Amino acid sequence: MGSFYIIAWADTNNDNKPDLEIGRSELMTAEKAGEWSSWEFSSDHNKIFVGNTWKQTNENIYYDTVKPEGYTGLSSSVYYSRTFEGKPVSVTSPRFTNIKVKFNGSSDKK
């Protein structure tokens, strides 16, 4: 139940923390339980962070602190904001969610 936005941030000052919001999806709402949401965006930034946010402050957040069997994620760290709609600069770990990120195309950047 519920809805969310998929959101992307960039690290523009090379401190390994998100500091610039570079994209936000339209509000995602599932039509049935277990349905996946999808959003595409482009970025020229070297380091990006992808996650989700909500349209109100009282949404529930679900995550696991134990690595799921077969997990092949990029990181077990989750950045978050202590204020609603704030910059996600606080970090906690280990946290695992069901977010998948797929990279398309090629880039000269590393």
Protein backbone atom coordinates (compact mmCIF):
# COMPACT_ATOMS: atom_id res chain seq x y z
CA MET A 1 0.00 0.00 0.00
CA GLY A 2 1.12 3.54 -0.54
CA SER A 3 2.99 5.46 -3.16
CA PHE A 4 6.44 6.97 -3.62
CA TYR A 5 8.74 8.85 -5.98
CA ILE A 6 11.95 7.36 -7.35
CA ILE A 7 14.62 9.99 -6.86
CA ALA A 8 18.20 10.51 -8.06
CA TRP A 9 20.92 12.62 -6.48
CA ALA A 10 24.49 13.40 -7.55
CA ASP A 11 27.70 13.96 -5.61
CA THR A 12 28.95 17.21 -7.18
CA ASN A 13 31.65 18.08 -4.62
CA ASN A 14 33.31 14.62 -4.40
CA ASP A 15 32.63 14.04 -0.69
CA ASN A 16 30.87 10.69 -1.41
CA LYS A 17 27.50 12.06 -0.25
CA PRO A 18 24.48 13.11 -2.31
CA ASP A 19 24.23 16.90 -2.60
CA LEU A 20 22.21 17.74 -5.75
CA GLU A 21 18.81 16.33 -6.69
CA ILE A 22 19.06 15.53 -10.41
CA GLY A 23 15.74 13.79 -11.05
CA ARG A 24 12.43 12.70 -9.58
CA SER A 25 9.82 10.39 -11.10
CA GLU A 26 6.12 11.01 -11.20
CA LEU A 27 4.28 9.59 -8.18
CA MET A 28 4.40 5.77 -8.36
CA THR A 29 1.38 3.83 -7.14
CA ALA A 30 1.02 0.09 -7.66
CA GLU A 31 -2.20 -1.33 -9.05
CA LYS A 32 -1.60 -4.70 -7.35
CA ALA A 33 0.63 -6.06 -4.59
CA GLY A 34 4.16 -6.99 -5.65
CA GLU A 35 4.12 -4.86 -8.80
CA TRP A 36 7.41 -3.15 -9.79
CA SER A 37 7.69 0.52 -10.69
CA SER A 38 10.12 1.81 -13.31
CA TRP A 39 11.65 5.20 -14.14
CA GLU A 40 14.36 6.29 -16.57
CA PHE A 41 16.64 9.32 -16.36
CA SER A 42 19.95 10.51 -17.76
CA SER A 43 22.91 12.00 -15.94
CA ASP A 44 26.38 13.25 -16.80
CA HIS A 45 27.50 13.09 -13.15
CA ASN A 46 30.28 10.70 -12.11
CA LYS A 47 28.55 9.45 -8.94
CA ILE A 48 24.81 9.11 -8.46
CA PHE A 49 22.54 7.88 -5.68
CA VAL A 50 19.12 6.40 -6.45
CA GLY A 51 16.37 5.83 -3.92
CA ASN A 52 12.85 6.83 -3.05
CA THR A 53 10.93 9.52 -1.23
CA TRP A 54 7.31 10.14 -0.30
CA LYS A 55 4.73 12.88 -0.65
CA GLN A 56 4.03 13.14 3.07
CA THR A 57 5.92 12.71 6.33
CA ASN A 58 4.05 9.75 7.83
CA GLU A 59 4.87 7.02 5.27
CA ASN A 60 6.21 3.66 6.49
CA ILE A 61 9.69 2.59 5.42
CA TYR A 62 10.53 -1.10 5.00
CA TYR A 63 14.05 -2.54 4.83
CA ASP A 64 16.04 -5.55 5.96
CA THR A 65 19.23 -5.46 8.04
CA VAL A 66 20.26 -9.01 7.08
CA LYS A 67 21.70 -9.56 3.60
CA PRO A 68 19.08 -11.47 1.58
CA GLU A 69 20.22 -14.73 0.00
CA GLY A 70 21.47 -14.08 -3.53
CA TYR A 71 21.78 -10.33 -2.98
CA THR A 72 23.93 -8.67 -5.66
CA GLY A 73 23.38 -5.02 -4.78
CA LEU A 74 25.87 -2.20 -5.13
CA SER A 75 25.98 -1.15 -1.47
CA SER A 76 24.42 -1.91 1.89
CA SER A 77 24.54 1.76 2.94
CA VAL A 78 21.40 3.90 2.81
CA TYR A 79 21.55 7.69 2.82
CA TYR A 80 18.60 9.51 4.36
CA SER A 81 17.50 12.91 5.55
CA ARG A 82 16.44 13.67 9.11
CA THR A 83 13.99 16.26 7.74
CA PHE A 84 11.20 15.70 5.23
CA GLU A 85 12.35 16.65 1.70
CA GLY A 86 15.83 17.38 3.07
CA LYS A 87 19.20 16.48 1.60
CA PRO A 88 20.00 12.79 2.29
CA VAL A 89 23.38 13.16 4.03
CA SER A 90 22.94 10.86 7.05
CA VAL A 91 23.96 7.25 6.42
CA THR A 92 23.14 3.90 8.03
CA SER A 93 24.27 0.38 7.27
CA PRO A 94 23.54 -2.42 6.71
CA ARG A 95 20.20 -1.73 5.05
CA PHE A 96 18.80 -3.65 2.09
CA THR A 97 15.82 -2.67 -0.05
CA ASN A 98 14.25 -3.96 -3.25
CA ILE A 99 15.54 -1.15 -5.49
CA LYS A 100 17.21 -2.23 -8.74
CA VAL A 101 19.36 0.08 -10.87
CA LYS A 102 20.15 -0.67 -14.51
CA PHE A 103 22.72 1.30 -16.52
CA ASN A 104 22.12 1.74 -20.25
CA GLY A 105 24.40 3.14 -22.89
CA SER A 106 28.08 3.92 -22.63
CA SER A 107 30.05 6.65 -20.94
CA ASP A 108 33.58 7.98 -21.04
CA LYS A 109 33.37 8.69 -17.30
CA LYS A 110 34.53 6.24 -14.65
